[in-house]
PDB file of all heavy atoms in Angstrom:
ATOM      1  N   VAL A   1    -230.248 109.629  45.296  1.00  0.00           N
ATOM      2  CA  VAL A   1    -231.386 110.056  44.491  1.00  0.00           C
ATOM      3  C   VAL A   1    -230.921 111.159  43.648  1.00  0.00           C
ATOM      4  O   VAL A   1    -230.382 112.243  44.097  1.00  0.00           O
ATOM      5  CB  VAL A   1    -232.539 110.577  45.494  1.00  0.00           C
ATOM      6  CG1 VAL A   1    -233.718 111.040  44.662  1.00  0.00           C
ATOM      7  CG2 VAL A   1    -232.903 109.489  46.423  1.00  0.00           C
ATOM      8  N   LEU A   2    -231.016 111.019  42.325  1.00  0.00           N
ATOM      9  CA  LEU A   2    -230.516 112.019  41.380  1.00  0.00           C
ATOM     10  C   LEU A   2    -231.611 112.807  40.592  1.00  0.00           C
ATOM     11  O   LEU A   2    -232.301 112.127  39.826  1.00  0.00           O
ATOM     12  CB  LEU A   2    -229.634 111.174  40.354  1.00  0.00           C
ATOM     13  CG  LEU A   2    -228.467 110.405  40.949  1.00  0.00           C
ATOM     14  CD1 LEU A   2    -227.897 109.409  39.886  1.00  0.00           C
ATOM     15  CD2 LEU A   2    -227.472 111.307  41.506  1.00  0.00           C
ATOM     16  N   ALA A   3    -231.695 114.007  40.998  1.00  0.00           N
ATOM     17  CA  ALA A   3    -232.744 114.907  40.227  1.00  0.00           C
ATOM     18  C   ALA A   3    -232.133 115.386  38.930  1.00  0.00           C
ATOM     19  O   ALA A   3    -231.005 115.688  38.748  1.00  0.00           O
ATOM     20  CB  ALA A   3    -233.029 116.046  41.115  1.00  0.00           C
ATOM     21  N   MET A   4    -233.002 115.491  37.953  1.00  0.00           N
ATOM     22  CA  MET A   4    -232.633 115.845  36.648  1.00  0.00           C
ATOM     23  C   MET A   4    -232.452 117.344  36.530  1.00  0.00           C
ATOM     24  O   MET A   4    -231.653 117.847  35.683  1.00  0.00           O
ATOM     25  CB  MET A   4    -233.566 115.417  35.512  1.00  0.00           C
ATOM     26  CG  MET A   4    -233.657 113.845  35.393  1.00  0.00           C
ATOM     27  SD  MET A   4    -232.166 113.218  34.616  1.00  0.00           S
ATOM     28  CE  MET A   4    -231.473 112.239  36.014  1.00  0.00           C
ATOM     29  N   ASP A   5    -233.045 118.063  37.493  1.00  0.00           N
ATOM     30  CA  ASP A   5    -232.846 119.619  37.450  1.00  0.00           C
ATOM     31  C   ASP A   5    -233.143 120.191  38.833  1.00  0.00           C
ATOM     32  O   ASP A   5    -233.571 119.504  39.749  1.00  0.00           O
ATOM     33  CB  ASP A   5    -233.808 120.232  36.411  1.00  0.00           C
ATOM     34  CG  ASP A   5    -235.289 119.942  36.595  1.00  0.00           C
ATOM     35  OD1 ASP A   5    -235.676 120.091  37.729  1.00  0.00           O
ATOM     36  OD2 ASP A   5    -235.930 119.736  35.586  1.00  0.00           O
ATOM     37  N   THR A   6    -232.818 121.410  38.897  1.00  0.00           N
ATOM     38  CA  THR A   6    -232.930 122.057  40.350  1.00  0.00           C
ATOM     39  C   THR A   6    -234.375 122.158  40.826  1.00  0.00           C
ATOM     40  O   THR A   6    -234.606 122.137  41.923  1.00  0.00           O
ATOM     41  CB  THR A   6    -232.264 123.411  40.259  1.00  0.00           C
ATOM     42  OG1 THR A   6    -232.812 124.323  39.223  1.00  0.00           O
ATOM     43  CG2 THR A   6    -230.777 123.357  40.131  1.00  0.00           C
ATOM     44  N   GLY A   7    -235.346 122.280  39.834  1.00  0.00           N
ATOM     45  CA  GLY A   7    -236.720 122.314  40.218  1.00  0.00           C
ATOM     46  C   GLY A   7    -237.113 121.026  40.907  1.00  0.00           C
ATOM     47  O   GLY A   7    -237.846 121.046  41.928  1.00  0.00           O
ATOM     48  N   ASN A   8    -236.740 119.888  40.335  1.00  0.00           N
ATOM     49  CA  ASN A   8    -237.082 118.554  40.846  1.00  0.00           C
ATOM     50  C   ASN A   8    -236.271 118.303  42.140  1.00  0.00           C
ATOM     51  O   ASN A   8    -236.681 117.755  43.185  1.00  0.00           O
ATOM     52  CB  ASN A   8    -236.863 117.481  39.871  1.00  0.00           C
ATOM     53  CG  ASN A   8    -237.924 117.467  38.935  1.00  0.00           C
ATOM     54  OD1 ASN A   8    -239.047 117.205  39.216  1.00  0.00           O
ATOM     55  ND2 ASN A   8    -237.567 117.783  37.602  1.00  0.00           N
ATOM     56  N   LEU A   9    -234.997 118.922  42.319  1.00  0.00           N
ATOM     57  CA  LEU A   9    -234.199 118.756  43.567  1.00  0.00           C
ATOM     58  C   LEU A   9    -234.923 119.519  44.665  1.00  0.00           C
ATOM     59  O   LEU A   9    -235.029 118.998  45.787  1.00  0.00           O
ATOM     60  CB  LEU A   9    -232.862 119.251  43.327  1.00  0.00           C
ATOM     61  CG  LEU A   9    -231.781 119.170  44.424  1.00  0.00           C
ATOM     62  CD1 LEU A   9    -231.740 117.680  44.853  1.00  0.00           C
ATOM     63  CD2 LEU A   9    -230.529 119.772  44.086  1.00  0.00           C
ATOM     64  N   THR A  10    -235.424 120.639  44.285  1.00  0.00           N
ATOM     65  CA  THR A  10    -236.209 121.459  45.369  1.00  0.00           C
ATOM     66  C   THR A  10    -237.482 120.684  45.750  1.00  0.00           C
ATOM     67  O   THR A  10    -237.696 120.603  47.004  1.00  0.00           O
ATOM     68  CB  THR A  10    -236.697 122.801  44.713  1.00  0.00           C
ATOM     69  OG1 THR A  10    -235.457 123.648  44.359  1.00  0.00           O
ATOM     70  CG2 THR A  10    -237.457 123.626  45.748  1.00  0.00           C
ATOM     71  N   ALA A  11    -238.136 120.015  44.824  1.00  0.00           N
ATOM     72  CA  ALA A  11    -239.284 119.226  45.223  1.00  0.00           C
ATOM     73  C   ALA A  11    -238.840 118.070  46.118  1.00  0.00           C
ATOM     74  O   ALA A  11    -239.600 117.660  47.020  1.00  0.00           O
ATOM     75  CB  ALA A  11    -240.035 118.828  43.979  1.00  0.00           C
ATOM     76  N   LEU A  12    -237.715 117.469  45.818  1.00  0.00           N
ATOM     77  CA  LEU A  12    -237.263 116.329  46.600  1.00  0.00           C
ATOM     78  C   LEU A  12    -236.869 116.726  48.066  1.00  0.00           C
ATOM     79  O   LEU A  12    -237.264 116.128  48.953  1.00  0.00           O
ATOM     80  CB  LEU A  12    -236.006 115.753  45.999  1.00  0.00           C
ATOM     81  CG  LEU A  12    -236.301 114.816  44.778  1.00  0.00           C
ATOM     82  CD1 LEU A  12    -235.034 114.655  43.888  1.00  0.00           C
ATOM     83  CD2 LEU A  12    -237.000 113.518  45.184  1.00  0.00           C
ATOM     84  N   HIS A  13    -236.325 117.942  48.115  1.00  0.00           N
ATOM     85  CA  HIS A  13    -235.924 118.385  49.456  1.00  0.00           C
ATOM     86  C   HIS A  13    -237.154 118.668  50.291  1.00  0.00           C
ATOM     87  O   HIS A  13    -237.149 118.476  51.533  1.00  0.00           O
ATOM     88  CB  HIS A  13    -235.076 119.806  49.381  1.00  0.00           C
ATOM     89  CG  HIS A  13    -233.546 119.467  49.129  1.00  0.00           C
ATOM     90  ND1 HIS A  13    -232.746 118.923  50.160  1.00  0.00           N
ATOM     91  CD2 HIS A  13    -232.767 119.643  48.114  1.00  0.00           C
ATOM     92  CE1 HIS A  13    -231.572 118.729  49.621  1.00  0.00           C
ATOM     93  NE2 HIS A  13    -231.504 119.202  48.339  1.00  0.00           N
ATOM     94  N   ALA A  14    -238.181 119.124  49.644  1.00  0.00           N
ATOM     95  CA  ALA A  14    -239.539 119.340  50.286  1.00  0.00           C
ATOM     96  C   ALA A  14    -240.076 118.010  50.882  1.00  0.00           C
ATOM     97  O   ALA A  14    -240.842 117.965  51.908  1.00  0.00           O
ATOM     98  CB  ALA A  14    -240.568 119.994  49.439  1.00  0.00           C
ATOM     99  N   LEU A  15    -239.790 116.930  50.285  1.00  0.00           N
ATOM    100  CA  LEU A  15    -240.280 115.593  50.743  1.00  0.00           C
ATOM    101  C   LEU A  15    -239.384 114.831  51.660  1.00  0.00           C
ATOM    102  O   LEU A  15    -239.713 113.903  52.323  1.00  0.00           O
ATOM    103  CB  LEU A  15    -240.566 114.701  49.441  1.00  0.00           C
ATOM    104  CG  LEU A  15    -241.479 115.171  48.490  1.00  0.00           C
ATOM    105  CD1 LEU A  15    -241.459 114.324  47.218  1.00  0.00           C
ATOM    106  CD2 LEU A  15    -242.936 115.078  49.053  1.00  0.00           C
ATOM    107  N   ALA A  16    -238.024 115.353  51.681  1.00  0.00           N
ATOM    108  CA  ALA A  16    -237.030 114.524  52.384  1.00  0.00           C
ATOM    109  C   ALA A  16    -237.185 114.700  53.908  1.00  0.00           C
ATOM    110  O   ALA A  16    -237.560 115.759  54.387  1.00  0.00           O
ATOM    111  CB  ALA A  16    -235.697 115.001  51.967  1.00  0.00           C
ATOM    112  N   ASP A  17    -236.729 113.646  54.591  1.00  0.00           N
ATOM    113  CA  ASP A  17    -236.617 113.720  56.069  1.00  0.00           C
ATOM    114  C   ASP A  17    -235.038 113.743  56.282  1.00  0.00           C
ATOM    115  O   ASP A  17    -234.214 113.783  55.470  1.00  0.00           O
ATOM    116  CB  ASP A  17    -237.302 112.528  56.727  1.00  0.00           C
ATOM    117  CG  ASP A  17    -236.891 111.121  56.217  1.00  0.00           C
ATOM    118  OD1 ASP A  17    -235.764 111.064  55.571  1.00  0.00           O
ATOM    119  OD2 ASP A  17    -237.600 110.229  56.404  1.00  0.00           O
ATOM    120  N   GLU A  18    -234.692 113.525  57.560  1.00  0.00           N
ATOM    121  CA  GLU A  18    -233.241 113.612  57.900  1.00  0.00           C
ATOM    122  C   GLU A  18    -232.467 112.464  57.274  1.00  0.00           C
ATOM    123  O   GLU A  18    -231.343 112.737  56.913  1.00  0.00           O
ATOM    124  CB  GLU A  18    -233.085 113.399  59.454  1.00  0.00           C
ATOM    125  CG  GLU A  18    -233.490 114.723  60.226  1.00  0.00           C
ATOM    126  CD  GLU A  18    -233.330 114.396  61.680  1.00  0.00           C
ATOM    127  OE1 GLU A  18    -232.654 113.385  62.133  1.00  0.00           O
ATOM    128  OE2 GLU A  18    -233.897 115.269  62.511  1.00  0.00           O
ATOM    129  N   ALA A  19    -233.054 111.328  57.145  1.00  0.00           N
ATOM    130  CA  ALA A  19    -232.365 110.213  56.470  1.00  0.00           C
ATOM    131  C   ALA A  19    -232.291 110.338  55.021  1.00  0.00           C
ATOM    132  O   ALA A  19    -231.237 109.826  54.397  1.00  0.00           O
ATOM    133  CB  ALA A  19    -233.062 108.969  56.898  1.00  0.00           C
ATOM    134  N   THR A  20    -233.266 110.967  54.378  1.00  0.00           N
ATOM    135  CA  THR A  20    -233.218 111.099  52.915  1.00  0.00           C
ATOM    136  C   THR A  20    -232.465 112.348  52.355  1.00  0.00           C
ATOM    137  O   THR A  20    -231.782 112.112  51.312  1.00  0.00           O
ATOM    138  CB  THR A  20    -234.691 111.217  52.464  1.00  0.00           C
ATOM    139  OG1 THR A  20    -235.474 110.091  52.986  1.00  0.00           O
ATOM    140  CG2 THR A  20    -234.857 111.205  50.915  1.00  0.00           C
ATOM    141  N   ALA A  21    -232.457 113.391  53.134  1.00  0.00           N
ATOM    142  CA  ALA A  21    -231.857 114.623  52.621  1.00  0.00           C
ATOM    143  C   ALA A  21    -230.376 114.410  52.193  1.00  0.00           C
ATOM    144  O   ALA A  21    -229.906 114.887  51.063  1.00  0.00           O
ATOM    145  CB  ALA A  21    -231.873 115.647  53.653  1.00  0.00           C
ATOM    146  N   PRO A  22    -229.586 113.661  52.827  1.00  0.00           N
ATOM    147  CA  PRO A  22    -228.128 113.523  52.339  1.00  0.00           C
ATOM    148  C   PRO A  22    -227.980 112.803  51.104  1.00  0.00           C
ATOM    149  O   PRO A  22    -227.022 112.702  50.466  1.00  0.00           O
ATOM    150  CB  PRO A  22    -227.481 112.757  53.513  1.00  0.00           C
ATOM    151  CG  PRO A  22    -228.389 112.996  54.764  1.00  0.00           C
ATOM    152  CD  PRO A  22    -229.759 113.169  54.148  1.00  0.00           C
ATOM    153  N   LYS A  23    -228.996 111.994  50.733  1.00  0.00           N
ATOM    154  CA  LYS A  23    -228.978 111.136  49.470  1.00  0.00           C
ATOM    155  C   LYS A  23    -229.228 111.995  48.198  1.00  0.00           C
ATOM    156  O   LYS A  23    -229.012 111.537  47.059  1.00  0.00           O
ATOM    157  CB  LYS A  23    -230.030 110.055  49.582  1.00  0.00           C
ATOM    158  CG  LYS A  23    -230.020 109.164  50.658  1.00  0.00           C
ATOM    159  CD  LYS A  23    -231.242 108.269  50.591  1.00  0.00           C
ATOM    160  CE  LYS A  23    -231.329 107.370  51.644  1.00  0.00           C
ATOM    161  NZ  LYS A  23    -232.532 106.331  51.455  1.00  0.00           N
ATOM    162  N   LEU A  24    -229.730 113.160  48.298  1.00  0.00           N
ATOM    163  CA  LEU A  24    -230.188 114.016  47.292  1.00  0.00           C
ATOM    164  C   LEU A  24    -229.099 114.756  46.406  1.00  0.00           C
ATOM    165  O   LEU A  24    -228.138 115.355  47.155  1.00  0.00           O
ATOM    166  CB  LEU A  24    -231.296 114.998  47.604  1.00  0.00           C
ATOM    167  CG  LEU A  24    -232.388 114.343  48.462  1.00  0.00           C
ATOM    168  CD1 LEU A  24    -233.366 115.611  48.830  1.00  0.00           C
ATOM    169  CD2 LEU A  24    -233.196 113.266  47.659  1.00  0.00           C
ATOM    170  N   GLY A  25    -229.257 114.768  45.174  1.00  0.00           N
ATOM    171  CA  GLY A  25    -228.297 115.665  44.397  1.00  0.00           C
ATOM    172  C   GLY A  25    -228.702 115.750  42.900  1.00  0.00           C
ATOM    173  O   GLY A  25    -229.711 115.147  42.465  1.00  0.00           O
TER     174      GLY A  25
END
């Protein structure tokens, strides 16, 4: 999961569970 900016990355981390969090960048 590729966030376009740090604001969206922060929003993604807030939604992420254990399985999803390692996918984010």
